[in-house]
Amino acid sequence: MYRRNNAEEVVPEETKVWECVADDCKGWIRDNFTSSDDQKCPLCGSEMKAGTRMLQAINNPRNY
Protein backbone atom coordinates (compact mmCIF):
# COMPACT_ATOMS: atom_id res chain seq x y z
CA MET A 1 0.00 0.00 0.00
CA TYR A 2 0.94 3.62 -0.23
CA ARG A 3 2.38 5.34 2.76
CA ARG A 4 1.08 8.80 3.60
CA ASN A 5 3.88 11.05 4.81
CA ASN A 6 3.19 14.02 7.00
CA ALA A 7 4.73 16.96 5.12
CA GLU A 8 4.43 19.27 8.13
CA GLU A 9 7.22 18.88 10.68
CA VAL A 10 6.13 19.22 14.31
CA VAL A 11 8.63 21.32 16.22
CA PRO A 12 8.85 20.76 19.98
CA GLU A 13 8.54 23.78 22.25
CA GLU A 14 9.33 24.42 25.90
CA THR A 15 6.20 23.44 27.85
CA LYS A 16 5.33 23.95 31.54
CA VAL A 17 4.80 20.62 33.34
CA TRP A 18 4.37 19.20 36.82
CA GLU A 19 6.95 16.50 37.71
CA CYS A 20 6.77 13.94 40.52
CA VAL A 21 9.37 14.49 43.26
CA ALA A 22 9.61 10.77 44.19
CA ASP A 23 12.94 9.25 43.10
CA ASP A 24 11.37 5.97 41.94
CA CYS A 25 8.49 7.59 39.96
CA LYS A 26 8.64 9.09 36.47
CA GLY A 27 5.18 10.71 36.58
CA TRP A 28 4.55 14.11 34.99
CA ILE A 29 1.64 16.05 33.49
CA ARG A 30 1.35 19.15 31.31
CA ASP A 31 0.42 22.28 33.26
CA ASN A 32 -2.47 23.13 30.93
CA PHE A 33 -4.04 19.70 31.62
CA THR A 34 -4.33 20.33 35.38
CA SER A 35 -7.09 21.96 37.38
CA SER A 36 -5.12 23.39 40.34
CA ASP A 37 -1.65 24.55 41.37
CA ASP A 38 -1.39 21.99 44.21
CA GLN A 39 -0.73 18.70 42.43
CA LYS A 40 -0.46 15.08 43.55
CA CYS A 41 1.17 12.52 41.26
CA PRO A 42 -1.51 10.43 39.49
CA LEU A 43 0.78 7.39 39.59
CA CYS A 44 2.13 7.30 43.16
CA GLY A 45 0.34 10.11 45.06
CA SER A 46 3.52 12.05 45.93
CA GLU A 47 3.92 15.81 45.71
CA MET A 48 4.77 17.35 42.34
CA LYS A 49 6.96 20.34 41.45
CA ALA A 50 6.78 22.74 38.51
CA GLY A 51 9.23 22.24 35.65
CA THR A 52 9.60 22.43 31.87
CA ARG A 53 10.07 19.91 29.05
CA MET A 54 10.56 20.09 25.29
CA LEU A 55 7.26 18.68 23.97
CA GLN A 56 5.06 18.90 20.90
CA ALA A 57 2.48 21.65 21.25
CA ILE A 58 -1.05 20.56 22.19
CA ASN A 59 -3.77 23.17 22.39
CA ASN A 60 -5.88 22.68 25.52
CA PRO A 61 -7.39 25.99 26.63
CA ARG A 62 -8.44 26.10 30.26
CA ASN A 63 -12.20 26.57 30.50
CA TYR A 64 -12.97 26.29 34.20
C-alpha atoms as a PDB file:
ATOM      1  CA  MET A   1       0.000   0.000   0.000  1.00  0.00           C
ATOM      2  CA  TYR A   2       0.937   3.622  -0.226  1.00  0.00           C
ATOM      3  CA  ARG A   3       2.383   5.341   2.761  1.00  0.00           C
ATOM      4  CA  ARG A   4       1.077   8.796   3.599  1.00  0.00           C
ATOM      5  CA  ASN A   5       3.885  11.048   4.814  1.00  0.00           C
ATOM      6  CA  ASN A   6       3.189  14.018   6.996  1.00  0.00           C
ATOM      7  CA  ALA A   7       4.732  16.965   5.122  1.00  0.00           C
ATOM      8  CA  GLU A   8       4.425  19.272   8.126  1.00  0.00           C
ATOM      9  CA  GLU A   9       7.221  18.885  10.681  1.00  0.00           C
ATOM     10  CA  VAL A  10       6.129  19.219  14.308  1.00  0.00           C
ATOM     11  CA  VAL A  11       8.631  21.315  16.219  1.00  0.00           C
ATOM     12  CA  PRO A  12       8.845  20.756  19.985  1.00  0.00           C
ATOM     13  CA  GLU A  13       8.545  23.776  22.252  1.00  0.00           C
ATOM     14  CA  GLU A  14       9.328  24.419  25.903  1.00  0.00           C
ATOM     15  CA  THR A  15       6.196  23.441  27.851  1.00  0.00           C
ATOM     16  CA  LYS A  16       5.333  23.948  31.536  1.00  0.00           C
ATOM     17  CA  VAL A  17       4.802  20.620  33.336  1.00  0.00           C
ATOM     18  CA  TRP A  18       4.374  19.203  36.823  1.00  0.00           C
ATOM     19  CA  GLU A  19       6.947  16.495  37.706  1.00  0.00           C
ATOM     20  CA  CYS A  20       6.771  13.942  40.523  1.00  0.00           C
ATOM     21  CA  VAL A  21       9.369  14.489  43.261  1.00  0.00           C
ATOM     22  CA  ALA A  22       9.608  10.775  44.193  1.00  0.00           C
ATOM     23  CA  ASP A  23      12.937   9.246  43.101  1.00  0.00           C
ATOM     24  CA  ASP A  24      11.373   5.974  41.939  1.00  0.00           C
ATOM     25  CA  CYS A  25       8.493   7.586  39.955  1.00  0.00           C
ATOM     26  CA  LYS A  26       8.637   9.092  36.466  1.00  0.00           C
ATOM     27  CA  GLY A  27       5.179  10.708  36.576  1.00  0.00           C
ATOM     28  CA  TRP A  28       4.552  14.108  34.991  1.00  0.00           C
ATOM     29  CA  ILE A  29       1.640  16.051  33.488  1.00  0.00           C
ATOM     30  CA  ARG A  30       1.345  19.145  31.306  1.00  0.00           C
ATOM     31  CA  ASP A  31       0.422  22.283  33.257  1.00  0.00           C
ATOM     32  CA  ASN A  32      -2.469  23.133  30.927  1.00  0.00           C
ATOM     33  CA  PHE A  33      -4.039  19.704  31.618  1.00  0.00           C
ATOM     34  CA  THR A  34      -4.332  20.327  35.376  1.00  0.00           C
ATOM     35  CA  SER A  35      -7.088  21.957  37.383  1.00  0.00           C
ATOM     36  CA  SER A  36      -5.121  23.393  40.336  1.00  0.00           C
ATOM     37  CA  ASP A  37      -1.653  24.549  41.366  1.00  0.00           C
ATOM     38  CA  ASP A  38      -1.387  21.987  44.207  1.00  0.00           C
ATOM     39  CA  GLN A  39      -0.733  18.697  42.426  1.00  0.00           C
ATOM     40  CA  LYS A  40      -0.463  15.082  43.545  1.00  0.00           C
ATOM     41  CA  CYS A  41       1.167  12.520  41.261  1.00  0.00           C
ATOM     42  CA  PRO A  42      -1.512  10.427  39.494  1.00  0.00           C
ATOM     43  CA  LEU A  43       0.780   7.387  39.591  1.00  0.00           C
ATOM     44  CA  CYS A  44       2.128   7.304  43.163  1.00  0.00           C
ATOM     45  CA  GLY A  45       0.338  10.113  45.056  1.00  0.00           C
ATOM     46  CA  SER A  46       3.524  12.048  45.927  1.00  0.00           C
ATOM     47  CA  GLU A  47       3.916  15.813  45.707  1.00  0.00           C
ATOM     48  CA  MET A  48       4.766  17.354  42.342  1.00  0.00           C
ATOM     49  CA  LYS A  49       6.955  20.342  41.448  1.00  0.00           C
ATOM     50  CA  ALA A  50       6.780  22.740  38.506  1.00  0.00           C
ATOM     51  CA  GLY A  51       9.234  22.243  35.645  1.00  0.00           C
ATOM     52  CA  THR A  52       9.598  22.432  31.871  1.00  0.00           C
ATOM     53  CA  ARG A  53      10.072  19.909  29.047  1.00  0.00           C
ATOM     54  CA  MET A  54      10.556  20.092  25.293  1.00  0.00           C
ATOM     55  CA  LEU A  55       7.255  18.678  23.966  1.00  0.00           C
ATOM     56  CA  GLN A  56       5.062  18.896  20.900  1.00  0.00           C
ATOM     57  CA  ALA A  57       2.478  21.652  21.251  1.00  0.00           C
ATOM     58  CA  ILE A  58      -1.050  20.555  22.191  1.00  0.00           C
ATOM     59  CA  ASN A  59      -3.768  23.173  22.386  1.00  0.00           C
ATOM     60  CA  ASN A  60      -5.877  22.679  25.519  1.00  0.00           C
ATOM     61  CA  PRO A  61      -7.395  25.987  26.627  1.00  0.00           C
ATOM     62  CA  ARG A  62      -8.443  26.105  30.262  1.00  0.00           C
ATOM     63  CA  ASN A  63     -12.202  26.566  30.503  1.00  0.00           C
ATOM     64  CA  TYR A  64     -12.972  26.291  34.204  1.00  0.00           C
END
